[in-house]
Amino acid sequence: MTPERRPVVHEGHFVHRGARLVFDDAGEGPLAVYAHGGFVSQAVEDRMGLFDWAPVLRAGRRLVRYDARAHGRSTGGPSPSEYTYPSLADDLLALLDHLGAGRAVDAMGASMGCGSVLHAAVREPDRFSRLVMLIPPTAWTTREAYARANRSAAETVTREGPGAWLAGSPQEPHTGRRG
């Protein structure tokens, strides 16, 4: 989104299970939340042109985007158990509690964010009115293909840092081709 079209965004945060979780809040109207994919953050998606606030705000919605645990401006600990889908769903539900969401919300997730949203919605379906999934984990052809791609990404991040993984055009989940 170009700077002149960027909405007025208010940053907020809350602490949940030892992590400081940061979110951006814009617009007015019924609440919609957005959960980003793994190895990225709101800022990365904005810089890469992967997210446009305009359609949601034009629809008269309040949009909250948050940086998942240990992504972007949010903190997280060293335990792998903090980064399971059920754990990330706990964070999303805590965000809704923090925001005082008194009615069901629309939720959008991209990749890893889909897992967070789906687990939260299965656990507490009355808190969600609609779900939008972009590249959900179920899009992978097999669990083995998903595990291989994640192993490869994890090895690259460990060896060279997350920037190298993002710059290296990760493997396309459906075909296995480089992107």
N, C-alpha and C. Protein backbone atom coordinates (compact mmCIF):
# COMPACT_ATOMS: atom_id res chain seq x y z
N MET A 1 0.85 -1.16 0.00
CA MET A 1 0.00 0.00 0.00
C MET A 1 0.90 1.24 0.00
N THR A 2 0.59 2.21 -0.80
CA THR A 2 1.40 3.42 -0.87
C THR A 2 1.22 4.22 0.41
N PRO A 3 2.25 5.00 0.80
CA PRO A 3 2.17 5.74 2.06
C PRO A 3 0.95 6.64 2.16
N GLU A 4 0.54 7.29 1.06
CA GLU A 4 -0.60 8.20 1.15
C GLU A 4 -1.92 7.44 1.36
N ARG A 5 -1.96 6.14 1.08
CA ARG A 5 -3.18 5.36 1.28
C ARG A 5 -3.16 4.58 2.58
N ARG A 6 -2.03 4.60 3.29
CA ARG A 6 -1.94 3.84 4.53
C ARG A 6 -2.86 4.48 5.57
N PRO A 7 -3.66 3.67 6.23
CA PRO A 7 -4.60 4.21 7.21
C PRO A 7 -3.88 4.65 8.49
N VAL A 8 -4.61 5.36 9.33
CA VAL A 8 -4.10 5.68 10.66
C VAL A 8 -4.13 4.37 11.45
N VAL A 9 -2.97 3.97 11.93
CA VAL A 9 -2.83 2.70 12.62
C VAL A 9 -2.36 2.97 14.05
N HIS A 10 -3.01 2.33 14.99
CA HIS A 10 -2.63 2.46 16.40
C HIS A 10 -1.97 1.16 16.83
N GLU A 11 -0.78 1.27 17.41
CA GLU A 11 -0.08 0.08 17.90
C GLU A 11 -0.49 -0.20 19.33
N GLY A 12 -0.68 -1.47 19.62
CA GLY A 12 -0.97 -1.89 20.99
C GLY A 12 -0.19 -3.15 21.30
N HIS A 13 -0.22 -3.56 22.55
CA HIS A 13 0.42 -4.81 22.94
C HIS A 13 -0.22 -5.33 24.22
N PHE A 14 0.02 -6.59 24.50
CA PHE A 14 -0.39 -7.20 25.75
C PHE A 14 0.58 -8.34 26.01
N VAL A 15 0.61 -8.80 27.25
CA VAL A 15 1.51 -9.89 27.62
C VAL A 15 0.66 -11.14 27.85
N HIS A 16 1.08 -12.22 27.21
CA HIS A 16 0.37 -13.50 27.34
C HIS A 16 1.40 -14.62 27.41
N ARG A 17 1.29 -15.43 28.45
CA ARG A 17 2.20 -16.56 28.66
C ARG A 17 3.67 -16.16 28.46
N GLY A 18 4.04 -15.04 29.04
CA GLY A 18 5.43 -14.61 29.03
C GLY A 18 5.90 -13.88 27.79
N ALA A 19 5.06 -13.74 26.79
CA ALA A 19 5.45 -13.05 25.55
C ALA A 19 4.73 -11.71 25.45
N ARG A 20 5.42 -10.74 24.93
CA ARG A 20 4.81 -9.44 24.62
C ARG A 20 4.33 -9.53 23.18
N LEU A 21 3.02 -9.51 22.98
CA LEU A 21 2.42 -9.66 21.66
C LEU A 21 1.95 -8.29 21.18
N VAL A 22 2.41 -7.89 20.00
CA VAL A 22 2.18 -6.55 19.47
C VAL A 22 1.17 -6.63 18.32
N PHE A 23 0.27 -5.66 18.27
CA PHE A 23 -0.73 -5.63 17.20
C PHE A 23 -0.91 -4.21 16.70
N ASP A 24 -1.44 -4.10 15.48
CA ASP A 24 -1.84 -2.83 14.89
C ASP A 24 -3.35 -2.84 14.73
N ASP A 25 -3.97 -1.71 14.99
CA ASP A 25 -5.42 -1.59 15.02
C ASP A 25 -5.81 -0.39 14.16
N ALA A 26 -6.68 -0.59 13.19
CA ALA A 26 -7.09 0.50 12.30
C ALA A 26 -8.57 0.35 11.94
N GLY A 27 -9.21 1.47 11.66
CA GLY A 27 -10.58 1.46 11.18
C GLY A 27 -11.60 1.37 12.30
N GLU A 28 -12.86 1.44 11.87
CA GLU A 28 -13.98 1.35 12.79
C GLU A 28 -15.03 0.43 12.19
N GLY A 29 -15.78 -0.21 13.05
CA GLY A 29 -16.81 -1.12 12.60
C GLY A 29 -16.59 -2.51 13.16
N PRO A 30 -17.28 -3.51 12.61
CA PRO A 30 -17.11 -4.87 13.09
C PRO A 30 -15.65 -5.31 12.97
N LEU A 31 -15.20 -6.06 13.95
CA LEU A 31 -13.79 -6.46 14.04
C LEU A 31 -13.45 -7.61 13.11
N ALA A 32 -12.32 -7.46 12.44
CA ALA A 32 -11.70 -8.54 11.67
C ALA A 32 -10.25 -8.64 12.15
N VAL A 33 -9.74 -9.86 12.30
CA VAL A 33 -8.34 -10.05 12.70
C VAL A 33 -7.60 -10.78 11.59
N TYR A 34 -6.31 -10.50 11.50
CA TYR A 34 -5.46 -11.12 10.48
C TYR A 34 -4.23 -11.71 11.14
N ALA A 35 -3.95 -12.98 10.84
CA ALA A 35 -2.77 -13.68 11.35
C ALA A 35 -1.84 -13.99 10.17
N HIS A 36 -0.62 -13.48 10.23
CA HIS A 36 0.34 -13.63 9.14
C HIS A 36 0.96 -15.03 9.10
N GLY A 37 1.72 -15.29 8.07
CA GLY A 37 2.42 -16.56 7.91
C GLY A 37 3.73 -16.61 8.68
N GLY A 38 4.34 -17.79 8.71
CA GLY A 38 5.60 -17.99 9.41
C GLY A 38 6.76 -17.29 8.72
N PHE A 39 7.77 -16.96 9.51
CA PHE A 39 9.00 -16.31 9.06
C PHE A 39 8.76 -14.90 8.53
N VAL A 40 7.58 -14.35 8.70
CA VAL A 40 7.32 -12.97 8.28
C VAL A 40 6.67 -12.23 9.46
N SER A 41 6.33 -11.00 9.24
CA SER A 41 5.63 -10.18 10.22
C SER A 41 4.79 -9.19 9.44
N GLN A 42 4.06 -8.36 10.15
CA GLN A 42 3.28 -7.33 9.47
C GLN A 42 4.18 -6.44 8.62
N ALA A 43 5.30 -6.03 9.19
CA ALA A 43 6.20 -5.11 8.48
C ALA A 43 6.75 -5.76 7.21
N VAL A 44 7.12 -7.02 7.28
CA VAL A 44 7.65 -7.72 6.10
C VAL A 44 6.57 -7.81 5.03
N GLU A 45 5.35 -8.19 5.43
CA GLU A 45 4.26 -8.28 4.45
C GLU A 45 3.98 -6.92 3.82
N ASP A 46 4.04 -5.86 4.61
CA ASP A 46 3.82 -4.52 4.06
C ASP A 46 4.91 -4.17 3.05
N ARG A 47 6.18 -4.39 3.42
CA ARG A 47 7.29 -4.05 2.52
C ARG A 47 7.25 -4.85 1.23
N MET A 48 6.81 -6.10 1.31
CA MET A 48 6.76 -6.96 0.13
C MET A 48 5.47 -6.75 -0.67
N GLY A 49 4.58 -5.91 -0.20
CA GLY A 49 3.32 -5.67 -0.90
C GLY A 49 2.35 -6.83 -0.81
N LEU A 50 2.46 -7.63 0.25
CA LEU A 50 1.61 -8.81 0.39
C LEU A 50 0.30 -8.53 1.11
N PHE A 51 0.13 -7.33 1.63
CA PHE A 51 -1.09 -7.03 2.36
C PHE A 51 -1.54 -5.62 2.04
N ASP A 52 -2.83 -5.46 1.81
CA ASP A 52 -3.41 -4.15 1.51
C ASP A 52 -4.55 -3.90 2.49
N TRP A 53 -4.40 -2.89 3.30
CA TRP A 53 -5.42 -2.54 4.28
C TRP A 53 -6.71 -2.05 3.62
N ALA A 54 -6.60 -1.41 2.48
CA ALA A 54 -7.69 -0.65 1.88
C ALA A 54 -9.01 -1.41 1.74
N PRO A 55 -9.05 -2.62 1.17
CA PRO A 55 -10.35 -3.27 0.98
C PRO A 55 -11.11 -3.53 2.28
N VAL A 56 -10.38 -3.90 3.32
CA VAL A 56 -11.05 -4.18 4.60
C VAL A 56 -11.59 -2.88 5.20
N LEU A 57 -10.79 -1.84 5.14
CA LEU A 57 -11.22 -0.57 5.72
C LEU A 57 -12.34 0.07 4.91
N ARG A 58 -12.27 -0.07 3.57
CA ARG A 58 -13.36 0.46 2.72
C ARG A 58 -14.69 -0.22 3.03
N ALA A 59 -14.60 -1.45 3.48
CA ALA A 59 -15.81 -2.20 3.82
C ALA A 59 -16.37 -1.79 5.18
N GLY A 60 -15.77 -0.78 5.80
CA GLY A 60 -16.27 -0.30 7.09
C GLY A 60 -15.94 -1.23 8.24
N ARG A 61 -14.74 -1.77 8.22
CA ARG A 61 -14.33 -2.73 9.24
C ARG A 61 -13.21 -2.18 10.10
N ARG A 62 -13.13 -2.67 11.29
CA ARG A 62 -11.96 -2.47 12.16
C ARG A 62 -11.07 -3.67 11.93
N LEU A 63 -9.82 -3.42 11.61
CA LEU A 63 -8.88 -4.51 11.32
C LEU A 63 -7.74 -4.50 12.33
N VAL A 64 -7.51 -5.65 12.94
CA VAL A 64 -6.37 -5.83 13.84
C VAL A 64 -5.46 -6.89 13.23
N ARG A 65 -4.22 -6.49 13.00
CA ARG A 65 -3.17 -7.41 12.54
C ARG A 65 -2.17 -7.53 13.67
N TYR A 66 -1.72 -8.75 13.94
CA TYR A 66 -0.77 -8.91 15.04
C TYR A 66 0.45 -9.68 14.58
N ASP A 67 1.57 -9.39 15.25
CA ASP A 67 2.79 -10.16 15.03
C ASP A 67 2.74 -11.36 15.95
N ALA A 68 2.78 -12.55 15.37
CA ALA A 68 2.72 -13.77 16.16
C ALA A 68 3.93 -13.86 17.09
N ARG A 69 3.81 -14.69 18.07
CA ARG A 69 4.88 -14.94 19.04
C ARG A 69 6.23 -15.14 18.31
N ALA A 70 7.24 -14.37 18.75
CA ALA A 70 8.61 -14.43 18.21
C ALA A 70 8.71 -13.99 16.75
N HIS A 71 7.76 -13.25 16.27
CA HIS A 71 7.79 -12.70 14.91
C HIS A 71 7.70 -11.17 15.03
N GLY A 72 8.40 -10.48 14.16
CA GLY A 72 8.31 -9.02 14.12
C GLY A 72 8.60 -8.39 15.47
N ARG A 73 7.65 -7.61 15.96
CA ARG A 73 7.83 -6.87 17.21
C ARG A 73 7.44 -7.68 18.44
N SER A 74 6.89 -8.87 18.26
CA SER A 74 6.48 -9.69 19.40
C SER A 74 7.65 -10.53 19.89
N THR A 75 7.62 -10.83 21.18
CA THR A 75 8.67 -11.66 21.77
C THR A 75 8.17 -13.09 21.93
N GLY A 76 9.08 -13.98 22.26
CA GLY A 76 8.74 -15.38 22.50
C GLY A 76 9.91 -16.06 23.16
N GLY A 77 9.66 -17.20 23.74
CA GLY A 77 10.70 -17.93 24.45
C GLY A 77 11.34 -19.02 23.62
N PRO A 78 12.23 -19.78 24.25
CA PRO A 78 12.98 -20.81 23.53
C PRO A 78 12.28 -22.15 23.39
N SER A 79 11.17 -22.36 24.08
CA SER A 79 10.54 -23.68 24.09
C SER A 79 9.76 -23.94 22.81
N PRO A 80 10.04 -25.06 22.12
CA PRO A 80 9.27 -25.40 20.92
C PRO A 80 7.77 -25.51 21.17
N SER A 81 7.38 -25.83 22.40
CA SER A 81 5.95 -25.98 22.70
C SER A 81 5.20 -24.64 22.58
N GLU A 82 5.93 -23.52 22.58
CA GLU A 82 5.28 -22.21 22.42
C GLU A 82 4.80 -21.98 20.99
N TYR A 83 5.28 -22.79 20.06
CA TYR A 83 5.06 -22.50 18.64
C TYR A 83 4.23 -23.55 17.93
N THR A 84 3.46 -24.32 18.69
CA THR A 84 2.53 -25.27 18.08
C THR A 84 1.26 -24.50 17.69
N TYR A 85 0.48 -25.07 16.79
CA TYR A 85 -0.77 -24.40 16.42
C TYR A 85 -1.70 -24.20 17.63
N PRO A 86 -1.86 -25.20 18.51
CA PRO A 86 -2.71 -24.94 19.68
C PRO A 86 -2.20 -23.78 20.54
N SER A 87 -0.88 -23.68 20.68
CA SER A 87 -0.31 -22.58 21.47
C SER A 87 -0.52 -21.24 20.78
N LEU A 88 -0.31 -21.20 19.46
CA LEU A 88 -0.54 -19.96 18.71
C LEU A 88 -2.02 -19.58 18.72
N ALA A 89 -2.90 -20.59 18.74
CA ALA A 89 -4.34 -20.33 18.85
C ALA A 89 -4.66 -19.70 20.21
N ASP A 90 -3.98 -20.16 21.27
CA ASP A 90 -4.16 -19.53 22.59
C ASP A 90 -3.85 -18.04 22.51
N ASP A 91 -2.77 -17.70 21.80
CA ASP A 91 -2.40 -16.29 21.66
C ASP A 91 -3.49 -15.50 20.94
N LEU A 92 -4.04 -16.08 19.87
CA LEU A 92 -5.11 -15.40 19.13
C LEU A 92 -6.34 -15.19 20.02
N LEU A 93 -6.73 -16.21 20.76
CA LEU A 93 -7.89 -16.08 21.64
C LEU A 93 -7.62 -15.05 22.74
N ALA A 94 -6.38 -15.00 23.23
CA ALA A 94 -6.02 -13.99 24.23
C ALA A 94 -6.08 -12.58 23.63
N LEU A 95 -5.70 -12.45 22.35
CA LEU A 95 -5.82 -11.16 21.67
C LEU A 95 -7.28 -10.73 21.62
N LEU A 96 -8.17 -11.64 21.25
CA LEU A 96 -9.60 -11.31 21.22
C LEU A 96 -10.09 -10.88 22.60
N ASP A 97 -9.62 -11.58 23.65
CA ASP A 97 -9.99 -11.19 25.01
C ASP A 97 -9.47 -9.78 25.32
N HIS A 98 -8.21 -9.54 24.96
CA HIS A 98 -7.60 -8.23 25.23
C HIS A 98 -8.37 -7.11 24.52
N LEU A 99 -8.83 -7.38 23.30
CA LEU A 99 -9.55 -6.38 22.52
C LEU A 99 -10.99 -6.20 23.00
N GLY A 100 -11.45 -7.11 23.87
CA GLY A 100 -12.82 -7.03 24.35
C GLY A 100 -13.83 -7.39 23.28
N ALA A 101 -13.46 -8.30 22.39
CA ALA A 101 -14.35 -8.71 21.29
C ALA A 101 -15.57 -9.40 21.89
N GLY A 102 -16.67 -8.68 21.96
CA GLY A 102 -17.88 -9.20 22.58
C GLY A 102 -18.77 -9.98 21.63
N ARG A 103 -18.44 -9.95 20.36
CA ARG A 103 -19.22 -10.72 19.39
C ARG A 103 -18.26 -11.44 18.45
N ALA A 104 -18.81 -12.35 17.67
CA ALA A 104 -17.98 -13.14 16.76
C ALA A 104 -17.27 -12.22 15.76
N VAL A 105 -16.03 -12.58 15.43
CA VAL A 105 -15.21 -11.78 14.52
C VAL A 105 -14.92 -12.58 13.25
N ASP A 106 -14.61 -11.85 12.20
CA ASP A 106 -14.07 -12.48 11.00
C ASP A 106 -12.57 -12.63 11.21
N ALA A 107 -12.01 -13.73 10.78
CA ALA A 107 -10.57 -13.96 10.95
C ALA A 107 -9.97 -14.40 9.62
N MET A 108 -8.83 -13.82 9.32
CA MET A 108 -8.08 -14.17 8.11
C MET A 108 -6.72 -14.69 8.54
N GLY A 109 -6.27 -15.74 7.88
CA GLY A 109 -4.95 -16.27 8.17
C GLY A 109 -4.22 -16.58 6.89
N ALA A 110 -2.90 -16.42 6.93
CA ALA A 110 -2.04 -16.77 5.80
C ALA A 110 -1.03 -17.81 6.28
N SER A 111 -1.00 -18.95 5.60
CA SER A 111 -0.04 -20.00 5.89
C SER A 111 -0.09 -20.37 7.37
N MET A 112 0.98 -20.11 8.13
CA MET A 112 0.99 -20.44 9.56
C MET A 112 -0.20 -19.80 10.28
N GLY A 113 -0.57 -18.59 9.88
CA GLY A 113 -1.70 -17.92 10.49
C GLY A 113 -3.00 -18.69 10.32
N CYS A 114 -3.12 -19.46 9.23
CA CYS A 114 -4.30 -20.31 9.04
C CYS A 114 -4.41 -21.33 10.16
N GLY A 115 -3.27 -21.95 10.49
CA GLY A 115 -3.27 -22.93 11.57
C GLY A 115 -3.71 -22.33 12.88
N SER A 116 -3.22 -21.12 13.17
CA SER A 116 -3.62 -20.42 14.40
C SER A 116 -5.12 -20.17 14.41
N VAL A 117 -5.63 -19.64 13.30
CA VAL A 117 -7.05 -19.31 13.20
C VAL A 117 -7.91 -20.57 13.27
N LEU A 118 -7.54 -21.60 12.52
CA LEU A 118 -8.35 -22.83 12.51
C LEU A 118 -8.40 -23.48 13.88
N HIS A 119 -7.26 -23.57 14.56
CA HIS A 119 -7.26 -24.18 15.89
C HIS A 119 -8.10 -23.36 16.87
N ALA A 120 -8.01 -22.04 16.79
CA ALA A 120 -8.82 -21.19 17.67
C ALA A 120 -10.31 -21.38 17.36
N ALA A 121 -10.66 -21.43 16.08
CA ALA A 121 -12.07 -21.55 15.68
C ALA A 121 -12.65 -22.91 16.04
N VAL A 122 -11.85 -23.96 15.95
CA VAL A 122 -12.34 -25.29 16.34
C VAL A 122 -12.57 -25.32 17.85
N ARG A 123 -11.67 -24.71 18.59
CA ARG A 123 -11.78 -24.70 20.04
C ARG A 123 -12.96 -23.84 20.52
N GLU A 124 -13.13 -22.66 19.90
CA GLU A 124 -14.19 -21.74 20.34
C GLU A 124 -14.93 -21.18 19.13
N PRO A 125 -15.74 -22.02 18.48
CA PRO A 125 -16.38 -21.63 17.21
C PRO A 125 -17.30 -20.42 17.33
N ASP A 126 -17.90 -20.20 18.48
CA ASP A 126 -18.82 -19.07 18.63
C ASP A 126 -18.12 -17.72 18.60
N ARG A 127 -16.81 -17.72 18.66
CA ARG A 127 -16.08 -16.45 18.65
C ARG A 127 -15.76 -15.98 17.23
N PHE A 128 -16.11 -16.81 16.24
CA PHE A 128 -15.76 -16.48 14.85
C PHE A 128 -17.00 -16.55 13.97
N SER A 129 -17.14 -15.55 13.09
CA SER A 129 -18.27 -15.54 12.16
C SER A 129 -17.87 -16.05 10.78
N ARG A 130 -16.68 -15.68 10.32
CA ARG A 130 -16.18 -16.14 9.02
C ARG A 130 -14.68 -16.35 9.12
N LEU A 131 -14.19 -17.31 8.34
CA LEU A 131 -12.75 -17.57 8.26
C LEU A 131 -12.32 -17.45 6.81
N VAL A 132 -11.20 -16.80 6.59
CA VAL A 132 -10.60 -16.70 5.26
C VAL A 132 -9.20 -17.28 5.37
N MET A 133 -8.93 -18.33 4.60
CA MET A 133 -7.63 -19.00 4.65
C MET A 133 -6.85 -18.76 3.36
N LEU A 134 -5.64 -18.24 3.50
CA LEU A 134 -4.74 -18.00 2.37
C LEU A 134 -3.55 -18.94 2.51
N ILE A 135 -3.39 -19.85 1.58
CA ILE A 135 -2.31 -20.85 1.61
C ILE A 135 -2.32 -21.63 2.93
N PRO A 136 -3.42 -22.28 3.25
CA PRO A 136 -3.47 -23.02 4.51
C PRO A 136 -2.52 -24.21 4.50
N PRO A 137 -2.11 -24.68 5.68
CA PRO A 137 -1.22 -25.85 5.73
C PRO A 137 -1.80 -27.06 5.00
N THR A 138 -3.11 -27.14 4.88
CA THR A 138 -3.73 -28.26 4.17
C THR A 138 -3.47 -28.20 2.67
N ALA A 139 -2.92 -27.07 2.18
CA ALA A 139 -2.63 -26.95 0.75
C ALA A 139 -1.44 -27.80 0.33
N TRP A 140 -0.64 -28.22 1.29
CA TRP A 140 0.52 -29.05 0.95
C TRP A 140 0.01 -30.41 0.48
N THR A 141 0.70 -30.98 -0.48
CA THR A 141 0.23 -32.24 -1.05
C THR A 141 0.27 -33.37 -0.04
N THR A 142 1.29 -33.43 0.78
CA THR A 142 1.38 -34.48 1.80
C THR A 142 2.06 -33.90 3.03
N ARG A 143 1.88 -34.59 4.15
CA ARG A 143 2.60 -34.17 5.37
C ARG A 143 4.10 -34.25 5.15
N GLU A 144 4.53 -35.26 4.37
CA GLU A 144 5.96 -35.41 4.13
C GLU A 144 6.52 -34.22 3.35
N ALA A 145 5.78 -33.75 2.34
CA ALA A 145 6.23 -32.59 1.56
C ALA A 145 6.30 -31.36 2.45
N TYR A 146 5.32 -31.21 3.31
CA TYR A 146 5.30 -30.08 4.24
C TYR A 146 6.51 -30.15 5.18
N ALA A 147 6.75 -31.34 5.73
CA ALA A 147 7.88 -31.51 6.65
C ALA A 147 9.21 -31.25 5.95
N ARG A 148 9.36 -31.75 4.71
CA ARG A 148 10.60 -31.52 3.95
C ARG A 148 10.84 -30.04 3.73
N ALA A 149 9.82 -29.33 3.31
CA ALA A 149 9.97 -27.89 3.05
C ALA A 149 10.29 -27.14 4.33
N ASN A 150 9.63 -27.51 5.43
CA ASN A 150 9.91 -26.84 6.71
C ASN A 150 11.31 -27.16 7.21
N ARG A 151 11.75 -28.40 7.02
CA ARG A 151 13.11 -28.77 7.41
C ARG A 151 14.12 -27.95 6.63
N SER A 152 13.89 -27.85 5.33
CA SER A 152 14.78 -27.07 4.47
C SER A 152 14.80 -25.60 4.90
N ALA A 153 13.63 -25.04 5.17
CA ALA A 153 13.55 -23.65 5.61
C ALA A 153 14.25 -23.47 6.95
N ALA A 154 14.02 -24.40 7.87
CA ALA A 154 14.65 -24.30 9.20
C ALA A 154 16.17 -24.38 9.09
N GLU A 155 16.67 -25.26 8.22
CA GLU A 155 18.12 -25.37 8.03
C GLU A 155 18.69 -24.07 7.46
N THR A 156 18.00 -23.47 6.50
CA THR A 156 18.47 -22.21 5.92
C THR A 156 18.46 -21.10 6.96
N VAL A 157 17.39 -21.01 7.74
CA VAL A 157 17.30 -19.96 8.76
C VAL A 157 18.38 -20.16 9.82
N THR A 158 18.61 -21.40 10.24
CA THR A 158 19.65 -21.68 11.23
C THR A 158 21.03 -21.30 10.71
N ARG A 159 21.27 -21.65 9.47
CA ARG A 159 22.59 -21.43 8.86
C ARG A 159 22.82 -19.97 8.49
N GLU A 160 21.79 -19.30 7.91
CA GLU A 160 22.01 -17.99 7.30
C GLU A 160 21.08 -16.89 7.81
N GLY A 161 20.11 -17.23 8.64
CA GLY A 161 19.17 -16.22 9.15
C GLY A 161 17.91 -16.16 8.32
N PRO A 162 16.82 -15.59 8.87
CA PRO A 162 15.54 -15.56 8.17
C PRO A 162 15.56 -14.77 6.88
N GLY A 163 16.41 -13.74 6.80
CA GLY A 163 16.48 -12.96 5.56
C GLY A 163 16.89 -13.80 4.37
N ALA A 164 17.79 -14.75 4.60
CA ALA A 164 18.24 -15.62 3.51
C ALA A 164 17.09 -16.50 3.02
N TRP A 165 16.26 -16.96 3.93
CA TRP A 165 15.13 -17.80 3.53
C TRP A 165 14.15 -16.98 2.71
N LEU A 166 13.84 -15.76 3.18
CA LEU A 166 12.90 -14.92 2.43
C LEU A 166 13.45 -14.55 1.06
N ALA A 167 14.74 -14.26 0.98
CA ALA A 167 15.35 -13.87 -0.29
C ALA A 167 15.48 -15.04 -1.25
N GLY A 168 15.47 -16.25 -0.72
CA GLY A 168 15.71 -17.43 -1.55
C GLY A 168 14.48 -18.00 -2.21
N SER A 169 13.38 -17.28 -2.26
CA SER A 169 12.15 -17.77 -2.88
C SER A 169 11.86 -19.20 -2.44
N PRO A 170 11.17 -19.35 -1.31
CA PRO A 170 10.92 -20.68 -0.78
C PRO A 170 10.18 -21.59 -1.75
N GLN A 171 10.29 -22.85 -1.48
CA GLN A 171 9.67 -23.86 -2.34
C GLN A 171 8.16 -23.69 -2.38
N GLU A 172 7.59 -23.77 -3.56
CA GLU A 172 6.14 -23.66 -3.74
C GLU A 172 5.52 -24.96 -3.24
N PRO A 173 4.54 -24.89 -2.32
CA PRO A 173 4.06 -26.09 -1.66
C PRO A 173 3.33 -27.08 -2.56
N HIS A 174 2.69 -26.63 -3.63
CA HIS A 174 1.89 -27.54 -4.45
C HIS A 174 2.75 -28.33 -5.43
N THR A 175 3.75 -27.67 -6.00
CA THR A 175 4.53 -28.31 -7.07
C THR A 175 5.93 -28.68 -6.66
N GLY A 176 6.44 -28.08 -5.57
CA GLY A 176 7.81 -28.34 -5.16
C GLY A 176 8.82 -27.50 -5.92
N ARG A 177 8.36 -26.67 -6.86
CA ARG A 177 9.27 -25.81 -7.63
C ARG A 177 9.69 -24.62 -6.79
N ARG A 178 10.85 -24.08 -7.10
CA ARG A 178 11.29 -22.84 -6.46
C ARG A 178 10.50 -21.69 -7.06
N GLY A 179 10.10 -20.74 -6.21
CA GLY A 179 9.20 -19.69 -6.58
C GLY A 179 9.70 -18.56 -7.35
